[in-house]
């Protein structure tokens, strides 16, 4: 009995010493990161006659690993294609990430300003954020980042994510006491060649904004394909403005550095405003008919430096959903730099 207790005590002491040594051996470390999205575009279809160089995005951040499980991440987003001052496009600067993360075994959690989950899987397979955001991001079905708390439970073939965010995005502070909660399920099948995901979110505001998304993707050696569909009720908390949207994208890699890609996005708005319609309602519907419709994108991608410099020459076309549809199209040359 005494000998057994001594052996157990020796094992406990040995394990404790090993854990202490590992804790002592770990040294916090950090690294800087950056990313640049820039392009040149020219109108070739429609009434437009614009030609311009543009800085779409520039990210600069710092990651710091505090312990093996805890890390902090700060990232600044600089852009110039959405912010308008006195009718002129201007650069803006926002915090895109400012959060604390925990990761151990199957668990991952975040608190603060960090990425949302609605379209992370789709963007991962799409892989061309420097050319186009995912359809849901591009059409503003959700924010790419928001302030709140989230958690994931992940295995090799399955993950579930839950989140509670302010619902205001990363460009605005909280303006009310409403929150936006979400639940998502993702599965990987056939040696992770097939991906499936479903996602639901809802706001606690008086006008309930809610979204329902389904996605299926195929990831092979030279070929990728993705298809998604989303229905959203009460877009931007406008009671009666519901939207349906879909996206199909694909890429075929001719060589490890050259790929051909194409994508089709479509969106239709449904309006259930109370009768009679006001002038504001009529103008609102007309403005969205111009945004609704179908978008077709196609191009070639060339990887200059793997995982560092990507380029793409492509064509982007929009056909509106108006009674008399309007077509417009641009040629783009996009460049991404990572460091």
Protein backbone atom coordinates (compact mmCIF):
# COMPACT_ATOMS: atom_id res chain seq x y z
CA UNK A 1 0.00 0.00 0.00
CA UNK A 2 2.78 2.39 0.98
CA UNK A 3 4.74 1.52 -2.14
CA UNK A 4 1.63 2.20 -4.29
CA UNK A 5 1.13 5.60 -2.67
CA UNK A 6 4.76 6.46 -3.29
CA UNK A 7 4.44 5.54 -6.96
CA UNK A 8 1.27 7.66 -7.34
CA UNK A 9 2.94 10.57 -5.55
CA UNK A 10 5.99 10.26 -7.80
CA UNK A 11 3.79 10.27 -10.95
CA UNK A 12 1.85 13.32 -9.74
CA UNK A 13 5.10 15.14 -8.95
CA UNK A 14 6.55 14.24 -12.35
CA UNK A 15 3.44 15.42 -14.25
CA UNK A 16 3.32 18.61 -12.17
CA UNK A 17 6.96 19.33 -12.89
CA UNK A 18 6.43 18.76 -16.63
CA UNK A 19 3.45 21.15 -16.66
CA UNK A 20 5.45 23.75 -14.74
CA UNK A 21 8.36 23.41 -17.14
CA UNK A 22 6.05 23.83 -20.15
CA UNK A 23 4.52 26.93 -18.55
CA UNK A 24 7.98 28.32 -17.88
CA UNK A 25 9.19 27.46 -21.37
CA UNK A 26 6.35 29.36 -23.08
CA UNK A 27 7.28 32.93 -23.88
CA UNK A 28 4.66 35.42 -25.11
CA UNK A 29 5.27 36.58 -28.65
CA UNK A 30 3.66 38.77 -31.27
CA UNK A 31 3.74 39.51 -34.97
CA UNK A 32 2.64 42.30 -37.25
CA UNK A 33 0.45 41.70 -40.30
CA UNK A 34 -0.79 43.70 -43.23
CA UNK A 35 -2.90 43.40 -46.35
CA UNK A 36 -3.55 45.74 -49.30
CA UNK A 37 -6.40 45.57 -51.84
CA UNK A 38 -6.02 47.95 -54.77
CA UNK A 39 -7.30 48.04 -58.35
CA UNK A 40 -7.80 49.85 -61.63
CA UNK A 41 -11.26 49.88 -63.26
CA UNK A 42 -12.89 51.26 -66.40
CA UNK A 43 -16.54 51.39 -67.53
CA UNK A 44 -17.12 49.46 -70.75
CA UNK A 45 -20.92 48.86 -70.73
CA UNK A 46 -23.66 51.39 -69.97
CA UNK A 47 -23.71 55.15 -69.62
CA UNK A 48 -20.76 55.39 -67.26
CA UNK A 49 -17.41 56.69 -68.42
CA UNK A 50 -15.25 56.35 -65.32
CA UNK A 51 -11.64 55.19 -65.19
CA UNK A 52 -9.81 55.17 -61.89
CA UNK A 53 -7.17 53.68 -59.66
CA UNK A 54 -8.60 52.84 -56.26
CA UNK A 55 -7.53 51.67 -52.82
CA UNK A 56 -10.28 49.29 -51.77
CA UNK A 57 -8.78 48.27 -48.42
CA UNK A 58 -5.58 48.38 -46.41
CA UNK A 59 -5.36 46.38 -43.19
CA UNK A 60 -2.66 46.66 -40.58
CA UNK A 61 -2.68 44.63 -37.38
CA UNK A 62 -0.81 42.99 -34.56
CA UNK A 63 -1.37 39.59 -32.93
CA UNK A 64 0.03 38.84 -29.48
CA UNK A 65 0.03 35.32 -28.01
CA UNK A 66 -0.28 35.85 -24.25
CA UNK A 67 -0.34 32.16 -23.28
CA UNK A 68 -0.78 28.98 -25.35
CA UNK A 69 -4.56 29.49 -25.04
CA UNK A 70 -5.04 33.26 -24.90
CA UNK A 71 -4.21 35.84 -27.54
CA UNK A 72 -5.09 39.44 -28.38
CA UNK A 73 -5.57 40.85 -31.87
CA UNK A 74 -5.84 44.47 -33.02
CA UNK A 75 -6.39 45.38 -36.69
CA UNK A 76 -7.07 48.72 -38.39
CA UNK A 77 -9.13 48.94 -41.60
CA UNK A 78 -8.43 51.79 -44.03
CA UNK A 79 -10.73 52.13 -47.04
CA UNK A 80 -11.84 54.64 -49.61
CA UNK A 81 -14.75 53.30 -51.66
CA UNK A 82 -17.71 53.68 -49.30
CA UNK A 83 -17.13 56.78 -47.18
CA UNK A 84 -18.40 60.09 -48.59
CA UNK A 85 -17.52 63.59 -47.29
CA UNK A 86 -19.22 66.53 -49.04
CA UNK A 87 -20.16 64.30 -52.02
CA UNK A 88 -16.54 63.18 -52.47
CA UNK A 89 -15.20 59.68 -51.82
CA UNK A 90 -12.75 59.85 -48.93
CA UNK A 91 -10.55 57.52 -46.96
CA UNK A 92 -11.67 56.36 -43.54
CA UNK A 93 -10.03 54.51 -40.68
CA UNK A 94 -11.79 52.06 -38.35
CA UNK A 95 -10.83 49.34 -35.95
CA UNK A 96 -11.80 46.10 -37.71
CA UNK A 97 -10.57 43.88 -34.87
CA UNK A 98 -9.91 44.59 -31.20
CA UNK A 99 -10.57 41.40 -29.29
CA UNK A 100 -9.41 38.74 -26.86
CA UNK A 101 -9.42 35.12 -28.07
CA UNK A 102 -9.31 31.76 -26.31
CA UNK A 103 -8.47 28.52 -28.12
CA UNK A 104 -7.91 25.10 -26.61
CA UNK A 105 -8.67 21.61 -27.90
CA UNK A 106 -12.11 21.76 -29.55
CA UNK A 107 -13.08 25.16 -28.15
CA UNK A 108 -12.66 28.62 -29.63
CA UNK A 109 -14.10 31.84 -28.16
CA UNK A 110 -13.79 35.58 -28.74
CA UNK A 111 -14.83 38.74 -26.91
CA UNK A 112 -14.71 42.29 -28.26
CA UNK A 113 -14.72 43.57 -31.85
CA UNK A 114 -14.15 40.54 -34.07
CA UNK A 115 -15.30 38.72 -37.22
CA UNK A 116 -18.86 37.49 -37.48
CA UNK A 117 -19.67 33.97 -38.69
CA UNK A 118 -22.43 34.29 -41.31
CA UNK A 119 -20.16 34.10 -44.36
CA UNK A 120 -16.72 33.05 -43.06
CA UNK A 121 -16.97 29.53 -44.52
CA UNK A 122 -18.12 30.85 -47.91
CA UNK A 123 -15.32 33.43 -48.04
CA UNK A 124 -12.78 30.79 -47.11
CA UNK A 125 -13.70 28.67 -50.13
CA UNK A 126 -14.20 31.70 -52.42
CA UNK A 127 -10.72 32.98 -51.51
CA UNK A 128 -10.89 36.22 -53.53
CA UNK A 129 -11.88 38.86 -51.03
CA UNK A 130 -9.49 41.30 -52.75
CA UNK A 131 -11.63 41.09 -55.91
CA UNK A 132 -15.08 40.77 -54.36
CA UNK A 133 -16.47 40.16 -50.89
CA UNK A 134 -18.79 37.18 -50.54
CA UNK A 135 -22.34 37.82 -51.76
CA UNK A 136 -23.73 38.26 -48.23
CA UNK A 137 -21.01 40.76 -47.33
CA UNK A 138 -21.28 42.60 -50.63
CA UNK A 139 -25.08 42.96 -50.34
CA UNK A 140 -24.86 43.87 -46.63
CA UNK A 141 -26.89 40.97 -45.27
CA UNK A 142 -24.62 41.10 -42.24
CA UNK A 143 -21.50 42.87 -41.03
CA UNK A 144 -18.12 41.24 -41.53
CA UNK A 145 -17.21 42.25 -37.96
CA UNK A 146 -19.15 43.43 -34.91
CA UNK A 147 -18.77 43.95 -31.17
CA UNK A 148 -19.86 41.06 -28.97
CA UNK A 149 -19.05 37.55 -27.81
CA UNK A 150 -18.91 34.27 -29.72
CA UNK A 151 -17.91 30.65 -29.27
CA UNK A 152 -17.27 27.62 -31.47
CA UNK A 153 -17.01 23.92 -30.76
CA UNK A 154 -14.95 22.29 -33.51
CA UNK A 155 -13.98 18.76 -34.47
CA UNK A 156 -12.29 17.50 -37.63
CA UNK A 157 -15.62 17.12 -39.44
CA UNK A 158 -18.12 19.31 -37.61
CA UNK A 159 -18.48 22.70 -35.93
CA UNK A 160 -21.21 24.66 -34.20
CA UNK A 161 -20.94 28.41 -33.59
CA UNK A 162 -23.04 30.74 -31.45
CA UNK A 163 -22.70 34.50 -31.15
CA UNK A 164 -24.29 37.58 -29.62
CA UNK A 165 -23.37 40.90 -31.23
CA UNK A 166 -24.51 44.51 -30.93
CA UNK A 167 -25.85 44.31 -34.48
CA UNK A 168 -24.41 47.71 -35.46
CA UNK A 169 -21.26 46.51 -37.23
CA UNK A 170 -17.72 47.81 -36.77
CA UNK A 171 -18.29 51.31 -38.15
CA UNK A 172 -20.89 52.34 -35.56
CA UNK A 173 -21.21 52.31 -31.78
CA UNK A 174 -24.16 50.64 -30.05
CA UNK A 175 -27.20 52.89 -30.51
CA UNK A 176 -29.90 50.93 -28.66
CA UNK A 177 -30.40 48.00 -26.31
CA UNK A 178 -31.07 45.46 -29.09
CA UNK A 179 -28.71 42.59 -29.88
CA UNK A 180 -28.28 40.18 -32.78
CA UNK A 181 -27.85 36.50 -31.95
CA UNK A 182 -26.85 33.69 -34.30
CA UNK A 183 -26.38 29.92 -34.53
CA UNK A 184 -24.50 28.09 -37.30
CA UNK A 185 -23.70 24.46 -38.10
CA UNK A 186 -20.93 23.39 -40.50
CA UNK A 187 -19.98 19.92 -41.68
CA UNK A 188 -17.09 18.59 -43.79
CA UNK A 189 -17.57 15.32 -45.68
CA UNK A 190 -15.70 13.07 -48.13
CA UNK A 191 -12.25 13.88 -46.70
CA UNK A 192 -13.29 17.54 -46.43
CA UNK A 193 -13.96 17.81 -50.15
CA UNK A 194 -17.66 18.56 -49.51
CA UNK A 195 -18.74 21.40 -47.22
CA UNK A 196 -22.23 22.13 -45.92
CA UNK A 197 -23.43 24.95 -43.68
CA UNK A 198 -26.70 26.32 -42.29
CA UNK A 199 -27.00 29.57 -40.37
CA UNK A 200 -29.75 31.52 -38.60
CA UNK A 201 -29.67 34.91 -36.89
CA UNK A 202 -32.23 37.26 -35.39
CA UNK A 203 -32.28 40.69 -33.80
CA UNK A 204 -34.06 41.54 -30.56
CA UNK A 205 -35.10 44.98 -31.88
CA UNK A 206 -38.78 45.92 -32.05
CA UNK A 207 -38.65 45.23 -35.80
CA UNK A 208 -37.11 41.76 -35.93
CA UNK A 209 -34.41 41.41 -38.57
CA UNK A 210 -33.73 37.73 -39.26
CA UNK A 211 -31.63 35.76 -41.77
CA UNK A 212 -31.61 32.13 -42.93
CA UNK A 213 -28.66 30.86 -44.99
CA UNK A 214 -27.72 27.56 -46.60
CA UNK A 215 -24.40 26.83 -48.31
CA UNK A 216 -22.86 23.87 -50.14
CA UNK A 217 -19.28 23.81 -51.40
CA UNK A 218 -16.93 21.46 -53.25
CA UNK A 219 -13.17 21.75 -52.76
CA UNK A 220 -11.05 19.56 -55.08
CA UNK A 221 -7.41 19.80 -56.09
CA UNK A 222 -7.93 21.95 -59.19
CA UNK A 223 -11.63 22.78 -58.98
CA UNK A 224 -13.80 24.59 -56.44
CA UNK A 225 -17.53 25.27 -56.49
CA UNK A 226 -19.90 26.97 -54.08
CA UNK A 227 -23.64 27.67 -53.96
CA UNK A 228 -25.57 29.58 -51.33
CA UNK A 229 -29.06 30.94 -50.74
CA UNK A 230 -30.29 33.42 -48.14
CA UNK A 231 -33.63 34.83 -47.08
CA UNK A 232 -33.74 37.92 -44.88
CA UNK A 233 -36.73 39.59 -43.22
CA UNK A 234 -36.93 43.33 -42.47
CA UNK A 235 -33.62 44.42 -43.98
CA UNK A 236 -31.98 47.28 -42.01
CA UNK A 237 -34.98 47.05 -39.65
CA UNK A 238 -37.36 48.36 -42.31
CA UNK A 239 -40.62 46.53 -41.57
CA UNK A 240 -41.82 44.91 -44.80
CA UNK A 241 -38.56 44.88 -46.80
CA UNK A 242 -37.63 41.21 -47.27
CA UNK A 243 -34.83 39.95 -49.52
CA UNK A 244 -33.81 36.71 -51.22
CA UNK A 245 -30.34 36.25 -52.65
CA UNK A 246 -28.24 33.52 -54.22
CA UNK A 247 -24.65 33.07 -55.35
CA UNK A 248 -22.78 30.48 -57.43
CA UNK A 249 -19.00 30.59 -57.84
CA UNK A 250 -16.34 28.34 -59.30
CA UNK A 251 -12.64 28.24 -60.14
CA UNK A 252 -10.49 25.93 -62.23
CA UNK A 253 -6.72 26.06 -61.66
CA UNK A 254 -4.87 25.56 -64.94
CA UNK A 255 -1.55 25.60 -63.05
CA UNK A 256 -0.75 26.22 -59.38
CA UNK A 257 -0.43 29.93 -60.23
CA UNK A 258 -3.07 30.47 -62.94
CA UNK A 259 -6.80 29.99 -62.46
CA UNK A 260 -10.01 30.81 -64.29
CA UNK A 261 -12.97 31.87 -62.14
CA UNK A 262 -16.60 32.93 -62.50
CA UNK A 263 -19.41 33.95 -60.20
CA UNK A 264 -23.11 34.84 -60.45
CA UNK A 265 -24.97 36.75 -57.71
CA UNK A 266 -28.69 37.48 -57.73
CA UNK A 267 -30.94 39.42 -55.37
CA UNK A 268 -34.67 40.17 -55.29
CA UNK A 269 -36.42 42.45 -52.80
CA UNK A 270 -40.02 41.94 -51.69
CA UNK A 271 -41.95 44.84 -50.19
CA UNK A 272 -44.91 44.38 -47.88
CA UNK A 273 -45.59 47.98 -46.92
CA UNK A 274 -49.01 48.94 -45.65
CA UNK A 275 -51.33 50.57 -48.15
CA UNK A 276 -51.56 53.24 -49.32
CA UNK A 277 -47.92 53.66 -50.29
CA UNK A 278 -46.33 56.96 -49.37
CA UNK A 279 -43.95 58.90 -51.62
CA UNK A 280 -41.09 57.80 -49.40
CA UNK A 281 -42.12 54.15 -49.85
CA UNK A 282 -42.33 54.54 -53.63
CA UNK A 283 -38.89 56.19 -53.84
CA UNK A 284 -37.44 53.52 -51.53
CA UNK A 285 -38.79 50.69 -53.71
CA UNK A 286 -37.51 52.35 -56.89
CA UNK A 287 -34.00 52.74 -55.44
CA UNK A 288 -33.89 49.04 -54.55
CA UNK A 289 -35.11 47.90 -57.96
CA UNK A 290 -31.94 49.47 -59.34
CA UNK A 291 -29.80 47.51 -56.84
CA UNK A 292 -31.70 44.24 -57.23
CA UNK A 293 -31.05 42.02 -60.23
CA UNK A 294 -28.19 39.82 -61.33
CA UNK A 295 -24.44 40.31 -61.28
CA UNK A 296 -22.03 38.31 -63.42
CA UNK A 297 -18.30 38.21 -62.75
CA UNK A 298 -15.56 36.33 -64.61
CA UNK A 299 -11.81 36.56 -64.88
CA UNK A 300 -8.36 35.06 -64.65
CA UNK A 301 -6.19 35.04 -61.52
CA UNK A 302 -2.40 34.97 -61.50
CA UNK A 303 -0.47 34.31 -58.29
CA UNK A 304 2.74 36.34 -58.50
CA UNK A 305 4.11 35.18 -55.14
CA UNK A 306 2.24 32.32 -53.40
CA UNK A 307 0.40 33.52 -50.29
CA UNK A 308 1.83 37.01 -50.75
CA UNK A 309 0.88 38.69 -54.06
CA UNK A 310 -2.25 37.87 -56.10
CA UNK A 311 -3.58 39.58 -59.24
CA UNK A 312 -6.70 39.25 -61.36
CA UNK A 313 -7.98 40.67 -64.66
CA UNK A 314 -11.79 40.41 -64.72
CA UNK A 315 -15.12 41.72 -65.96
CA UNK A 316 -18.01 42.68 -63.63
CA UNK A 317 -21.54 43.15 -65.00
CA UNK A 318 -24.79 44.27 -63.33
CA UNK A 319 -28.32 43.99 -64.75
CA UNK A 320 -30.94 45.83 -62.68
CA UNK A 321 -34.37 44.48 -61.72
CA UNK A 322 -36.29 47.52 -62.92
CA UNK A 323 -39.24 47.45 -65.32
CA UNK A 324 -36.76 48.56 -67.99
CA UNK A 325 -33.56 46.79 -66.88
CA UNK A 326 -30.32 48.76 -67.02
CA UNK A 327 -27.01 47.04 -67.83
CA UNK A 328 -23.61 48.26 -66.68
CA UNK A 329 -20.18 46.67 -66.78
CA UNK A 330 -16.57 47.32 -65.82
CA UNK A 331 -13.16 45.86 -66.51
CA UNK A 332 -11.01 45.46 -63.38
CA UNK A 333 -7.39 44.73 -62.62
CA UNK A 334 -7.12 43.78 -58.94
CA UNK A 335 -4.01 43.37 -56.80
CA UNK A 336 -3.65 41.87 -53.31
CA UNK A 337 -0.50 42.13 -51.19
CA UNK A 338 -0.08 40.27 -47.88
CA UNK A 339 2.74 40.69 -45.42
